[in-house]
């Protein structure tokens, strides 16, 4: 029943003005049809198809893992475009739901779900690639101990120029190694 609901919605919506974005925006094609794919993000939200696995209390659908898999299978089958909002929806949002303050949740989650606020990720570094165990970017508190100061370099930040926000992974403990001592920072 859920599979039929997804397939029917996609058939009814991934046409007309959105016919152009079918099968577009995937790996190697990320920079195509950007404005149209942004509009598609908003259409997905209107249909209730963003934040599938997010709890209902945060505006999500509360879908099971099985339903999320079904959605993604049908989305691919229908030629759904590469998602502009996937970094916010699948990385930032769930992290905020699990660890963010109420203020952060209220500020950032609605825009992610609506497809209005796009996020990019600051993982990769010149000498580390995407290997988080080798992150060299540092984060330390300022002299007053009130705010974090981040220093380092990130590369390969896909669609950063289209994003309103970025999150960065930085080493908070200079003596740490590997996957220990890393922090998740929201940059606005």
Protein backbone atom coordinates (compact mmCIF):
# COMPACT_ATOMS: atom_id res chain seq x y z
CA UNK A 1 0.00 0.00 0.00
CA UNK A 2 2.80 2.41 0.91
CA UNK A 3 4.69 1.56 -2.30
CA UNK A 4 1.58 2.33 -4.36
CA UNK A 5 1.12 5.64 -2.51
CA UNK A 6 4.71 6.67 -3.27
CA UNK A 7 4.57 5.57 -6.92
CA UNK A 8 1.23 7.31 -7.49
CA UNK A 9 2.44 10.56 -5.95
CA UNK A 10 5.65 10.53 -7.98
CA UNK A 11 3.76 9.80 -11.21
CA UNK A 12 1.40 12.68 -10.51
CA UNK A 13 4.14 15.15 -9.58
CA UNK A 14 7.31 14.25 -11.45
CA UNK A 15 5.86 15.56 -14.70
CA UNK A 16 4.93 18.86 -16.32
CA UNK A 17 7.24 21.52 -14.90
CA UNK A 18 9.33 18.77 -13.25
CA UNK A 19 9.75 16.53 -16.32
CA UNK A 20 13.04 18.34 -16.98
CA UNK A 21 14.59 17.16 -13.69
CA UNK A 22 13.86 13.45 -14.11
CA UNK A 23 17.13 11.47 -13.89
CA UNK A 24 19.13 14.72 -13.42
CA UNK A 25 21.40 15.94 -10.64
CA UNK A 26 23.09 12.68 -9.70
CA UNK A 27 26.83 12.02 -9.44
CA UNK A 28 28.68 13.97 -12.13
CA UNK A 29 25.53 15.99 -12.89
CA UNK A 30 25.11 17.81 -9.56
CA UNK A 31 25.14 21.28 -11.09
CA UNK A 32 22.30 20.73 -13.56
CA UNK A 33 18.78 22.10 -13.23
CA UNK A 34 19.57 23.68 -9.86
CA UNK A 35 16.61 26.05 -9.60
CA UNK A 36 14.21 23.38 -10.82
CA UNK A 37 15.59 20.88 -8.29
CA UNK A 38 15.19 23.47 -5.53
CA UNK A 39 11.55 23.83 -6.56
CA UNK A 40 11.28 20.02 -6.51
CA UNK A 41 12.51 20.01 -2.88
CA UNK A 42 9.64 22.33 -1.98
CA UNK A 43 7.18 20.10 -3.87
CA UNK A 44 8.42 17.05 -1.97
CA UNK A 45 7.75 18.90 1.28
CA UNK A 46 4.26 19.88 0.16
CA UNK A 47 3.56 16.22 -0.51
CA UNK A 48 4.88 15.16 2.90
CA UNK A 49 7.95 13.37 1.48
CA UNK A 50 10.75 15.16 3.32
CA UNK A 51 12.08 14.05 6.67
CA UNK A 52 10.68 10.57 6.08
CA UNK A 53 12.47 9.00 9.03
CA UNK A 54 12.31 12.06 11.27
CA UNK A 55 9.99 11.82 14.27
CA UNK A 56 6.58 13.42 13.77
CA UNK A 57 7.23 15.81 16.64
CA UNK A 58 9.91 17.46 14.48
CA UNK A 59 7.79 17.63 11.35
CA UNK A 60 8.88 14.31 9.89
CA UNK A 61 6.78 11.45 8.67
CA UNK A 62 8.02 8.91 11.24
CA UNK A 63 8.46 6.35 8.48
CA UNK A 64 9.95 2.96 9.26
CA UNK A 65 13.25 1.85 7.72
CA UNK A 66 11.26 -0.38 5.36
CA UNK A 67 9.14 2.57 4.22
CA UNK A 68 12.24 4.69 3.68
CA UNK A 69 13.76 1.95 1.51
CA UNK A 70 10.52 1.64 -0.45
CA UNK A 71 10.41 5.40 -1.00
CA UNK A 72 13.99 5.45 -2.28
CA UNK A 73 13.38 2.47 -4.57
CA UNK A 74 10.30 4.11 -6.08
CA UNK A 75 12.04 7.48 -6.27
CA UNK A 76 14.88 5.95 -8.28
CA UNK A 77 12.46 3.94 -10.45
CA UNK A 78 10.52 7.13 -11.28
CA UNK A 79 13.69 9.03 -12.16
CA UNK A 80 13.60 11.37 -9.17
CA UNK A 81 16.35 13.97 -9.41
CA UNK A 82 19.40 14.17 -7.18
CA UNK A 83 18.26 15.80 -3.97
CA UNK A 84 19.47 19.33 -3.29
CA UNK A 85 18.49 19.04 0.38
CA UNK A 86 19.94 15.65 1.22
CA UNK A 87 22.81 16.96 3.40
CA UNK A 88 20.41 18.86 5.63
CA UNK A 89 17.76 16.18 5.65
CA UNK A 90 19.95 13.12 6.18
CA UNK A 91 22.94 14.50 8.15
CA UNK A 92 22.27 17.86 9.80
CA UNK A 93 18.62 17.27 10.73
CA UNK A 94 19.06 13.89 12.42
CA UNK A 95 22.13 15.18 14.28
CA UNK A 96 20.18 18.18 15.56
CA UNK A 97 17.25 15.97 16.55
CA UNK A 98 19.57 13.76 18.56
CA UNK A 99 21.97 16.33 20.03
CA UNK A 100 20.81 19.89 19.27
CA UNK A 101 19.32 22.38 21.65
CA UNK A 102 15.62 23.25 21.41
CA UNK A 103 16.62 26.62 19.99
CA UNK A 104 18.68 24.96 17.23
CA UNK A 105 15.86 22.55 16.40
CA UNK A 106 13.33 25.37 16.14
CA UNK A 107 15.67 27.50 14.07
CA UNK A 108 16.98 24.96 11.55
CA UNK A 109 14.67 21.96 11.20
CA UNK A 110 11.66 23.70 9.57
CA UNK A 111 13.76 25.23 6.78
CA UNK A 112 15.42 21.89 6.08
CA UNK A 113 12.04 20.16 5.79
CA UNK A 114 10.55 22.88 3.58
CA UNK A 115 13.50 22.60 1.18
CA UNK A 116 14.26 26.28 1.68
CA UNK A 117 17.50 26.01 3.66
CA UNK A 118 20.21 23.97 1.99
CA UNK A 119 23.26 22.65 3.81
CA UNK A 120 26.69 21.57 2.68
CA UNK A 121 29.19 19.49 4.63
CA UNK A 122 32.72 20.31 5.67
CA UNK A 123 34.28 16.84 5.89
CA UNK A 124 36.99 16.54 3.28
CA UNK A 125 40.43 18.08 3.69
CA UNK A 126 43.41 18.44 1.32
CA UNK A 127 45.49 15.69 2.94
CA UNK A 128 42.69 13.60 4.43
CA UNK A 129 40.06 13.33 1.73
CA UNK A 130 36.87 12.18 3.41
CA UNK A 131 38.70 10.12 6.01
CA UNK A 132 37.42 11.68 9.24
CA UNK A 133 40.10 9.91 11.27
CA UNK A 134 42.64 12.23 9.63
CA UNK A 135 40.83 15.54 10.17
CA UNK A 136 43.30 18.33 10.88
CA UNK A 137 40.87 21.27 11.14
CA UNK A 138 40.89 22.47 14.74
CA UNK A 139 38.24 24.02 16.95
CA UNK A 140 39.09 25.76 20.21
CA UNK A 141 37.31 28.15 22.53
CA UNK A 142 38.21 31.82 22.36
CA UNK A 143 39.97 33.55 25.27
CA UNK A 144 36.67 34.20 27.05
CA UNK A 145 35.55 30.60 26.53
CA UNK A 146 32.29 31.68 24.88
CA UNK A 147 32.65 30.76 21.25
CA UNK A 148 34.51 28.29 19.11
CA UNK A 149 37.25 29.40 16.75
CA UNK A 150 37.79 27.08 13.81
CA UNK A 151 40.97 26.93 11.77
CA UNK A 152 41.79 24.66 8.89
CA UNK A 153 40.80 23.95 5.33
CA UNK A 154 37.96 21.96 3.78
CA UNK A 155 37.67 20.96 0.12
CA UNK A 156 35.14 19.28 -2.19
CA UNK A 157 32.19 20.96 -0.54
CA UNK A 158 29.61 20.08 -3.18
CA UNK A 159 26.99 22.75 -3.87
CA UNK A 160 28.39 25.04 -1.17
CA UNK A 161 27.61 28.03 -3.39
CA UNK A 162 23.92 27.02 -3.34
CA UNK A 163 23.80 26.42 0.43
CA UNK A 164 22.77 28.79 3.18
CA UNK A 165 24.51 26.77 5.89
CA UNK A 166 27.43 24.43 6.39
CA UNK A 167 28.43 22.01 9.08
CA UNK A 168 32.07 21.28 9.75
CA UNK A 169 33.79 18.38 11.45
CA UNK A 170 36.75 19.68 13.47
CA UNK A 171 39.12 18.31 16.08
CA UNK A 172 38.23 19.76 19.51
CA UNK A 173 40.98 17.96 21.42
CA UNK A 174 44.42 18.65 19.94
CA UNK A 175 45.81 15.50 21.59
CA UNK A 176 43.14 13.25 20.10
CA UNK A 177 43.75 10.83 17.26
CA UNK A 178 41.55 8.91 14.88
CA UNK A 179 37.83 9.27 15.39
CA UNK A 180 38.14 10.60 18.95
CA UNK A 181 37.88 14.29 19.81
CA UNK A 182 35.83 15.40 16.81
CA UNK A 183 33.07 18.00 16.98
CA UNK A 184 30.14 18.80 14.69
CA UNK A 185 29.82 22.57 14.17
CA UNK A 186 27.01 24.51 12.51
CA UNK A 187 28.20 27.48 10.44
CA UNK A 188 25.74 30.14 9.41
